[in-house]
Amino acid sequence: MEASEARRVNRALNKTSQLYRAAKARRLAALGLHPGQDVLLWVLAQEPDGMTVSRLAATLGIEQPTATRSLARLEPGGWFRREPVPTDRRQVRVVVTEAGRRLVPDIERTWAELAELTMGAVDPERREIALAVLEEANERLREVVGEDPLAQG
């Protein structure tokens, strides 16, 4: 790849990432969330019995201390509760509350609005090509950073 093309790719990906995150932040703020907290709550809501912080971190592809800090920031919202794991006193299970479950449709609607805003004007054939290219790029980058392909995000 020529230097000018490499700069163009780099600039486009960086700018898209910045703008998407800013648009997401504005929409999530209306829900009382920050980017990343939406995915964390959504993942927790998929497990009716909850999950340990270590499993949550692994699912999200983040370090356990990062998951713990994120949960601490979310705790005042009352969207989840902590319960002891009966078989291991050292472990705590995080379970989404009813308030957290009620937030999931709003999170999913926000994601749908952002997807439509970002890609909706692109015709379906070009959209599919763009998504395939981005997914391939993600796979190559996952290999570079050693991320679990099942991690969310």
Protein backbone atom coordinates (compact mmCIF):
# COMPACT_ATOMS: atom_id res chain seq x y z
CA MET A 1 0.00 0.00 0.00
CA GLU A 2 1.33 3.41 -0.92
CA ALA A 3 1.93 5.98 1.80
CA SER A 4 -0.84 8.29 0.59
CA GLU A 5 -3.36 5.44 0.64
CA ALA A 6 -2.15 4.34 4.08
CA ARG A 7 -2.67 7.89 5.39
CA ARG A 8 -6.16 7.97 3.87
CA VAL A 9 -7.12 4.64 5.47
CA ASN A 10 -5.66 5.70 8.81
CA ARG A 11 -7.42 9.07 8.74
CA ALA A 12 -10.78 7.58 7.69
CA LEU A 13 -10.76 4.87 10.37
CA ASN A 14 -9.63 7.25 13.11
CA LYS A 15 -12.23 9.87 12.20
CA THR A 16 -15.03 7.31 11.87
CA SER A 17 -14.14 5.89 15.27
CA GLN A 18 -14.10 9.35 16.88
CA LEU A 19 -17.36 10.49 15.30
CA TYR A 20 -19.20 7.23 16.00
CA ARG A 21 -18.10 7.27 19.64
CA ALA A 22 -19.20 10.92 20.00
CA ALA A 23 -22.60 10.23 18.43
CA LYS A 24 -23.00 7.14 20.63
CA ALA A 25 -22.02 9.11 23.74
CA ARG A 26 -24.67 11.75 23.05
CA ARG A 27 -27.43 9.19 22.58
CA LEU A 28 -26.39 7.07 25.55
CA ALA A 29 -26.21 10.14 27.80
CA ALA A 30 -29.99 10.42 27.43
CA LEU A 31 -30.17 6.95 29.03
CA GLY A 32 -27.71 7.84 31.78
CA LEU A 33 -24.95 5.71 30.23
CA HIS A 34 -21.48 6.17 28.75
CA PRO A 35 -20.08 4.24 25.78
CA GLY A 36 -19.10 0.76 26.89
CA GLN A 37 -21.64 0.67 29.70
CA ASP A 38 -24.34 -0.12 27.14
CA VAL A 39 -22.53 -3.27 26.00
CA LEU A 40 -21.80 -4.30 29.60
CA LEU A 41 -25.45 -4.02 30.63
CA TRP A 42 -26.64 -5.71 27.45
CA VAL A 43 -24.28 -8.66 28.00
CA LEU A 44 -25.39 -9.00 31.62
CA ALA A 45 -29.04 -8.93 30.56
CA GLN A 46 -28.44 -11.94 28.30
CA GLU A 47 -27.71 -14.05 31.40
CA PRO A 48 -30.83 -14.22 33.62
CA ASP A 49 -28.84 -15.83 36.44
CA GLY A 50 -26.03 -13.29 36.13
CA MET A 51 -22.32 -13.94 35.83
CA THR A 52 -19.14 -13.44 37.77
CA VAL A 53 -17.03 -10.37 37.17
CA SER A 54 -14.27 -12.54 35.71
CA ARG A 55 -16.66 -14.13 33.21
CA LEU A 56 -18.10 -10.72 32.34
CA ALA A 57 -14.60 -9.36 31.71
CA ALA A 58 -13.71 -12.35 29.54
CA THR A 59 -16.93 -12.01 27.55
CA LEU A 60 -16.27 -8.31 26.95
CA GLY A 61 -12.59 -8.87 26.16
CA ILE A 62 -11.44 -6.53 28.93
CA GLU A 63 -9.35 -6.96 32.07
CA GLN A 64 -11.13 -7.83 35.31
CA PRO A 65 -10.14 -4.55 37.06
CA THR A 66 -11.65 -2.63 34.12
CA ALA A 67 -14.92 -4.57 34.49
CA THR A 68 -14.90 -3.90 38.24
CA ARG A 69 -14.41 -0.14 37.69
CA SER A 70 -17.14 -0.08 35.06
CA LEU A 71 -19.55 -1.84 37.40
CA ALA A 72 -18.69 0.60 40.20
CA ARG A 73 -19.58 3.52 37.92
CA LEU A 74 -22.87 1.86 36.94
CA GLU A 75 -23.87 0.81 40.45
CA PRO A 76 -25.65 4.04 41.44
CA GLY A 77 -28.12 3.50 38.57
CA GLY A 78 -29.54 0.40 40.26
CA TRP A 79 -29.32 -1.56 37.01
CA PHE A 80 -27.73 -4.61 38.61
CA ARG A 81 -27.13 -6.20 41.98
CA ARG A 82 -24.30 -8.29 43.37
CA GLU A 83 -24.99 -11.70 44.86
CA PRO A 84 -22.64 -14.19 46.48
CA VAL A 85 -21.88 -17.34 44.52
CA PRO A 86 -23.14 -20.15 46.76
CA THR A 87 -20.35 -22.55 45.80
CA ASP A 88 -17.49 -20.04 46.20
CA ARG A 89 -17.55 -17.34 48.87
CA ARG A 90 -14.76 -15.44 47.12
CA GLN A 91 -16.86 -14.96 43.99
CA VAL A 92 -19.66 -12.48 43.40
CA ARG A 93 -22.28 -12.85 40.70
CA VAL A 94 -23.61 -9.73 38.97
CA VAL A 95 -27.31 -9.91 38.08
CA VAL A 96 -29.28 -7.36 36.08
CA THR A 97 -32.24 -5.89 37.97
CA GLU A 98 -35.65 -5.20 36.48
CA ALA A 99 -34.56 -1.57 35.99
CA GLY A 100 -31.59 -2.82 33.98
CA ARG A 101 -33.80 -5.10 31.89
CA ARG A 102 -36.11 -2.19 31.08
CA LEU A 103 -33.09 -0.29 29.74
CA VAL A 104 -32.12 -3.02 27.21
CA PRO A 105 -34.72 -2.06 24.55
CA ASP A 106 -33.51 1.55 24.76
CA ILE A 107 -29.91 0.39 24.31
CA GLU A 108 -30.88 -1.74 21.31
CA ARG A 109 -32.90 1.13 19.83
CA THR A 110 -29.88 3.43 20.24
CA TRP A 111 -27.69 0.91 18.42
CA ALA A 112 -30.26 0.63 15.61
CA GLU A 113 -30.47 4.42 15.28
CA LEU A 114 -26.69 4.72 15.14
CA ALA A 115 -26.45 1.96 12.53
CA GLU A 116 -29.12 3.67 10.43
CA LEU A 117 -27.46 7.06 10.84
CA THR A 118 -24.06 5.63 9.92
CA MET A 119 -24.94 3.24 7.10
CA GLY A 120 -28.60 3.77 6.24
CA ALA A 121 -28.01 6.00 3.22
CA VAL A 122 -25.60 3.49 1.68
CA ASP A 123 -27.28 1.11 -0.76
CA PRO A 124 -27.57 -2.47 0.56
CA GLU A 125 -24.94 -3.93 -1.80
CA ARG A 126 -22.29 -1.34 -0.85
CA ARG A 127 -23.28 -1.64 2.82
CA GLU A 128 -22.65 -5.41 2.69
CA ILE A 129 -19.26 -4.84 1.06
CA ALA A 130 -18.31 -2.21 3.66
CA LEU A 131 -19.36 -4.48 6.53
CA ALA A 132 -17.47 -7.45 5.10
CA VAL A 133 -14.32 -5.33 4.75
CA LEU A 134 -14.65 -4.02 8.32
CA GLU A 135 -15.25 -7.54 9.69
CA GLU A 136 -12.17 -8.85 7.85
CA ALA A 137 -10.13 -5.95 9.21
CA ASN A 138 -11.38 -6.71 12.72
CA GLU A 139 -10.31 -10.34 12.36
CA ARG A 140 -6.79 -9.35 11.29
CA LEU A 141 -6.51 -6.83 14.12
CA ARG A 142 -7.79 -9.39 16.66
CA GLU A 143 -4.92 -11.66 15.66
CA VAL A 144 -2.43 -8.82 16.14
CA VAL A 145 -3.70 -7.91 19.62
CA GLY A 146 -4.58 -11.46 20.66
CA GLU A 147 -8.26 -10.72 21.34
CA ASP A 148 -10.70 -13.55 21.74
CA PRO A 149 -12.93 -13.57 18.64
CA LEU A 150 -15.96 -14.18 20.90
CA ALA A 151 -15.34 -10.99 22.88
CA GLN A 152 -18.05 -8.34 22.48
CA GLY A 153 -17.57 -4.89 21.14
